[in-house]
Amino acid sequence: MRVLALDRSFEIAWRCAGAVLVLATLCGLASAESLPAIIEARLAPIVPAGFGIAHVYAPTTELAPAQVTVEVPGELKAGRPSVKVTIKGKTTYVPIAIARLAEVAVATHAIAEGATLVATDFTVEERPVEPGVPAASLVGASVAHAIAAHAPISRTDVLLAPPLARGTQVALEIRRGSVRVRGTATLEAAARAGGPAIVRVAQTKTVLRGVLVAPATVVIGDQP
């Protein structure tokens, strides 16, 4: 009976040790991050104001942040500088791209090829990339190829809707602070969504300048 009891105790201890090992392994995996993400997080506090890290040219190896040391030789500037990265005692230099922050349209979800964009398909964010298509121009645009969720929408991703012809009737909204006056007007010249528009107000025949903010709406005054 004593031998059986010892065997049973050994089995329980062995299982507990195994469970601890598995838990430690899982915790190590849970704390791991991709190398580009680790480098970006280390550099973010010292990037010049008005700029951001557009890309880190490093393999997406999963590592524990504590295994990685990042050193900056001198001051970070816009362009493509390299930073010194040491991983487990081995040192290399990793290029990074630093670009000025710009307002870009970013997909709120995955968008299929051929879809027609509506306002809820994207949001506007500041990112360190080249300026993309003006957000207002995207409403009604056709998607040239699939766009991943949270990806910036570039000029090559979409086919913009054709401009509205002169004489097209549009909805008109005049904005002054919290005041909104709505009516109808006709375009005095061809206009594309997101661009300037000249309209003649139907009620008064007055000619005004505004912005075509949707496929058939012109805003005068405060922009949305």
Protein backbone atom coordinates (compact mmCIF):
# COMPACT_ATOMS: atom_id res chain seq x y z
CA MET A 1 0.00 0.00 0.00
CA ARG A 2 2.85 2.39 0.75
CA VAL A 3 4.51 1.66 -2.60
CA LEU A 4 1.23 2.37 -4.39
CA ALA A 5 0.87 5.60 -2.44
CA LEU A 6 4.38 6.68 -3.46
CA ASP A 7 3.68 5.79 -7.09
CA ARG A 8 0.50 7.81 -6.99
CA SER A 9 2.30 10.79 -5.43
CA PHE A 10 5.00 10.62 -8.11
CA GLU A 11 2.34 10.55 -10.85
CA ILE A 12 0.61 13.62 -9.40
CA ALA A 13 3.91 15.49 -9.05
CA TRP A 14 4.87 14.60 -12.66
CA ARG A 15 1.54 15.85 -13.99
CA CYS A 16 1.84 19.10 -12.00
CA ALA A 17 5.35 19.67 -13.34
CA GLY A 18 4.07 19.10 -16.87
CA ALA A 19 1.22 21.53 -16.33
CA VAL A 20 3.65 24.18 -15.05
CA LEU A 21 5.88 23.67 -18.10
CA VAL A 22 2.94 24.00 -20.51
CA LEU A 23 1.70 27.11 -18.67
CA ALA A 24 5.16 28.69 -18.80
CA THR A 25 5.37 27.95 -22.53
CA LEU A 26 1.95 29.46 -23.17
CA CYS A 27 2.82 32.56 -21.16
CA GLY A 28 6.01 32.96 -23.17
CA LEU A 29 4.05 32.72 -26.44
CA ALA A 30 1.40 35.12 -25.20
CA SER A 31 4.03 37.79 -24.45
CA ALA A 32 5.78 37.40 -27.81
CA GLU A 33 5.43 40.12 -30.45
CA SER A 34 6.61 40.51 -34.01
CA LEU A 35 10.04 42.11 -34.38
CA PRO A 36 8.73 45.09 -36.42
CA ALA A 37 6.12 45.80 -33.73
CA ILE A 38 8.77 45.71 -30.98
CA ILE A 39 11.07 48.08 -32.90
CA GLU A 40 8.21 50.48 -33.71
CA ALA A 41 7.08 50.59 -30.06
CA ARG A 42 10.63 51.39 -28.90
CA LEU A 43 11.09 54.19 -31.46
CA ALA A 44 7.61 55.78 -31.29
CA PRO A 45 8.46 58.15 -28.36
CA ILE A 46 11.42 59.71 -30.21
CA VAL A 47 9.95 60.10 -33.71
CA PRO A 48 9.87 63.83 -34.69
CA ALA A 49 6.57 65.62 -34.14
CA GLY A 50 4.26 65.44 -37.14
CA PHE A 51 5.92 62.26 -38.42
CA GLY A 52 5.41 58.54 -37.89
CA ILE A 53 6.97 55.17 -38.69
CA ALA A 54 5.60 54.04 -42.03
CA HIS A 55 7.43 50.71 -42.21
CA VAL A 56 10.04 48.61 -40.40
CA TYR A 57 12.09 46.49 -42.82
CA ALA A 58 12.53 43.48 -40.54
CA PRO A 59 11.22 39.89 -40.62
CA THR A 60 8.01 39.27 -38.67
CA THR A 61 9.76 36.92 -36.25
CA GLU A 62 7.91 36.44 -32.95
CA LEU A 63 10.09 37.36 -29.97
CA ALA A 64 9.75 38.36 -26.35
CA PRO A 65 10.37 42.14 -26.11
CA ALA A 66 12.98 41.54 -23.40
CA GLN A 67 15.13 39.71 -25.97
CA VAL A 68 15.42 42.79 -28.19
CA THR A 69 17.55 45.91 -27.71
CA VAL A 70 17.12 48.89 -30.05
CA GLU A 71 19.66 51.72 -30.32
CA VAL A 72 19.39 54.87 -32.45
CA PRO A 73 22.66 56.21 -33.87
CA GLY A 74 22.04 59.93 -33.59
CA GLU A 75 18.71 61.70 -34.17
CA LEU A 76 15.79 60.18 -36.05
CA LYS A 77 14.85 62.12 -39.18
CA ALA A 78 12.41 61.74 -42.04
CA GLY A 79 13.59 59.32 -44.71
CA ARG A 80 14.98 55.82 -44.33
CA PRO A 81 17.47 55.69 -41.45
CA SER A 82 18.77 52.46 -39.91
CA VAL A 83 18.68 51.51 -36.24
CA LYS A 84 20.91 49.10 -34.33
CA VAL A 85 19.00 46.02 -33.18
CA THR A 86 20.50 43.37 -30.90
CA ILE A 87 18.72 40.03 -30.45
CA LYS A 88 20.17 37.46 -28.06
CA GLY A 89 23.63 38.97 -28.43
CA LYS A 90 23.58 39.21 -32.22
CA THR A 91 23.54 42.71 -33.72
CA THR A 92 22.16 43.93 -37.05
CA TYR A 93 21.03 47.21 -38.58
CA VAL A 94 17.38 47.50 -39.56
CA PRO A 95 16.15 50.20 -42.00
CA ILE A 96 12.93 52.03 -41.10
CA ALA A 97 10.81 54.47 -43.12
CA ILE A 98 9.77 57.70 -41.41
CA ALA A 99 7.15 59.81 -43.20
CA ARG A 100 5.05 62.87 -42.46
CA LEU A 101 1.60 62.19 -40.99
CA ALA A 102 -1.21 62.71 -43.50
CA GLU A 103 -4.97 62.28 -43.44
CA VAL A 104 -5.88 59.08 -45.27
CA ALA A 105 -9.05 57.08 -45.73
CA VAL A 106 -8.83 53.70 -43.96
CA ALA A 107 -11.16 50.78 -44.64
CA THR A 108 -13.38 49.98 -41.64
CA HIS A 109 -13.78 46.37 -42.83
CA ALA A 110 -12.70 44.10 -45.67
CA ILE A 111 -14.12 45.37 -48.99
CA ALA A 112 -14.60 43.12 -52.00
CA GLU A 113 -13.51 43.92 -55.53
CA GLY A 114 -16.25 45.64 -57.53
CA ALA A 115 -18.05 47.05 -54.48
CA THR A 116 -19.31 50.64 -54.55
CA LEU A 117 -18.02 52.61 -51.57
CA VAL A 118 -20.36 54.30 -49.12
CA ALA A 119 -19.47 56.58 -46.20
CA THR A 120 -19.51 53.74 -43.64
CA ASP A 121 -16.88 51.75 -45.56
CA PHE A 122 -14.03 53.98 -44.39
CA THR A 123 -12.88 56.43 -41.76
CA VAL A 124 -10.24 59.17 -41.86
CA GLU A 125 -7.06 58.72 -39.82
CA GLU A 126 -3.65 60.35 -39.57
CA ARG A 127 -0.98 57.90 -40.72
CA PRO A 128 2.65 58.18 -41.88
CA VAL A 129 1.89 57.52 -45.55
CA GLU A 130 1.51 59.48 -48.74
CA PRO A 131 -1.84 61.34 -48.86
CA GLY A 132 -4.47 59.20 -50.52
CA VAL A 133 -7.72 60.00 -52.27
CA PRO A 134 -9.78 62.73 -50.51
CA ALA A 135 -12.36 60.93 -48.39
CA ALA A 136 -15.29 62.79 -49.94
CA SER A 137 -14.23 61.57 -53.39
CA LEU A 138 -14.50 57.92 -52.33
CA VAL A 139 -18.27 57.88 -51.87
CA GLY A 140 -19.64 56.21 -55.00
CA ALA A 141 -16.20 55.00 -56.16
CA SER A 142 -15.80 51.43 -57.42
CA VAL A 143 -13.24 49.16 -55.74
CA ALA A 144 -10.63 48.04 -58.28
CA HIS A 145 -9.38 45.14 -56.13
CA ALA A 146 -10.08 43.76 -52.67
CA ILE A 147 -9.09 46.00 -49.74
CA ALA A 148 -8.20 44.50 -46.37
CA ALA A 149 -9.80 45.74 -43.16
CA HIS A 150 -7.94 48.73 -41.61
CA ALA A 151 -5.81 49.22 -44.75
CA PRO A 152 -5.29 52.72 -46.21
CA ILE A 153 -7.20 53.25 -49.45
CA SER A 154 -4.82 54.43 -52.18
CA ARG A 155 -5.48 55.93 -55.60
CA THR A 156 -4.82 52.57 -57.25
CA ASP A 157 -7.42 50.80 -55.07
CA VAL A 158 -10.45 52.56 -56.55
CA LEU A 159 -12.04 53.85 -59.73
CA LEU A 160 -13.59 57.21 -58.90
CA ALA A 161 -17.15 57.90 -59.92
CA PRO A 162 -17.37 60.10 -63.06
CA PRO A 163 -17.94 63.83 -62.48
CA LEU A 164 -21.48 65.17 -62.51
CA ALA A 165 -22.25 67.12 -65.66
CA ARG A 166 -23.12 70.82 -65.85
CA GLY A 167 -26.86 71.30 -65.31
CA THR A 168 -27.23 68.34 -62.92
CA GLN A 169 -29.68 69.00 -60.10
CA VAL A 170 -28.15 68.56 -56.65
CA ALA A 171 -29.21 68.88 -53.03
CA LEU A 172 -27.89 72.06 -51.42
CA GLU A 173 -26.98 72.57 -47.77
CA ILE A 174 -25.77 75.92 -46.39
CA ARG A 175 -24.02 75.63 -43.02
CA ARG A 176 -23.21 78.41 -40.57
CA GLY A 177 -22.33 76.99 -37.17
CA SER A 178 -25.39 75.08 -35.94
CA VAL A 179 -27.65 76.61 -38.62
CA ARG A 180 -28.59 74.41 -41.59
CA VAL A 181 -30.51 75.67 -44.63
CA ARG A 182 -31.44 73.08 -47.25
CA GLY A 183 -32.64 73.47 -50.80
CA THR A 184 -31.90 72.46 -54.39
CA ALA A 185 -29.55 73.84 -57.04
CA THR A 186 -28.04 73.00 -60.42
CA LEU A 187 -24.37 72.69 -61.24
CA GLU A 188 -22.93 75.54 -63.28
CA ALA A 189 -19.92 73.37 -64.20
CA ALA A 190 -18.98 69.69 -64.04
CA ALA A 191 -17.91 68.61 -60.53
CA ARG A 192 -16.53 65.48 -58.91
CA ALA A 193 -17.32 64.28 -55.39
CA GLY A 194 -14.81 65.80 -52.99
CA GLY A 195 -13.99 68.71 -55.28
CA PRO A 196 -15.18 72.30 -55.67
CA ALA A 197 -18.63 72.94 -57.13
CA ILE A 198 -20.36 76.03 -58.53
CA VAL A 199 -24.14 75.94 -58.25
CA ARG A 200 -27.13 78.14 -59.05
CA VAL A 201 -29.72 78.08 -56.26
CA ALA A 202 -33.13 77.08 -57.57
CA GLN A 203 -35.14 79.47 -55.37
CA THR A 204 -33.04 82.64 -55.74
CA LYS A 205 -30.97 81.96 -58.89
CA THR A 206 -27.92 83.04 -56.87
CA VAL A 207 -24.58 81.49 -57.89
CA LEU A 208 -22.59 80.03 -54.98
CA ARG A 209 -19.38 78.06 -54.54
CA GLY A 210 -19.12 75.01 -52.32
CA VAL A 211 -17.93 71.41 -52.20
CA LEU A 212 -19.60 68.34 -53.66
CA VAL A 213 -19.40 66.15 -50.54
CA ALA A 214 -21.53 63.25 -51.81
CA PRO A 215 -22.64 62.01 -55.22
CA ALA A 216 -25.37 64.67 -55.37
CA THR A 217 -25.01 67.03 -52.38
CA VAL A 218 -23.21 70.38 -52.33
CA VAL A 219 -22.25 72.02 -49.03
CA ILE A 220 -21.73 75.78 -48.70
CA GLY A 221 -19.88 77.01 -45.60
CA ASP A 222 -18.71 74.74 -42.79
CA GLN A 223 -17.55 71.39 -44.13
CA PRO A 224 -18.46 68.11 -42.40
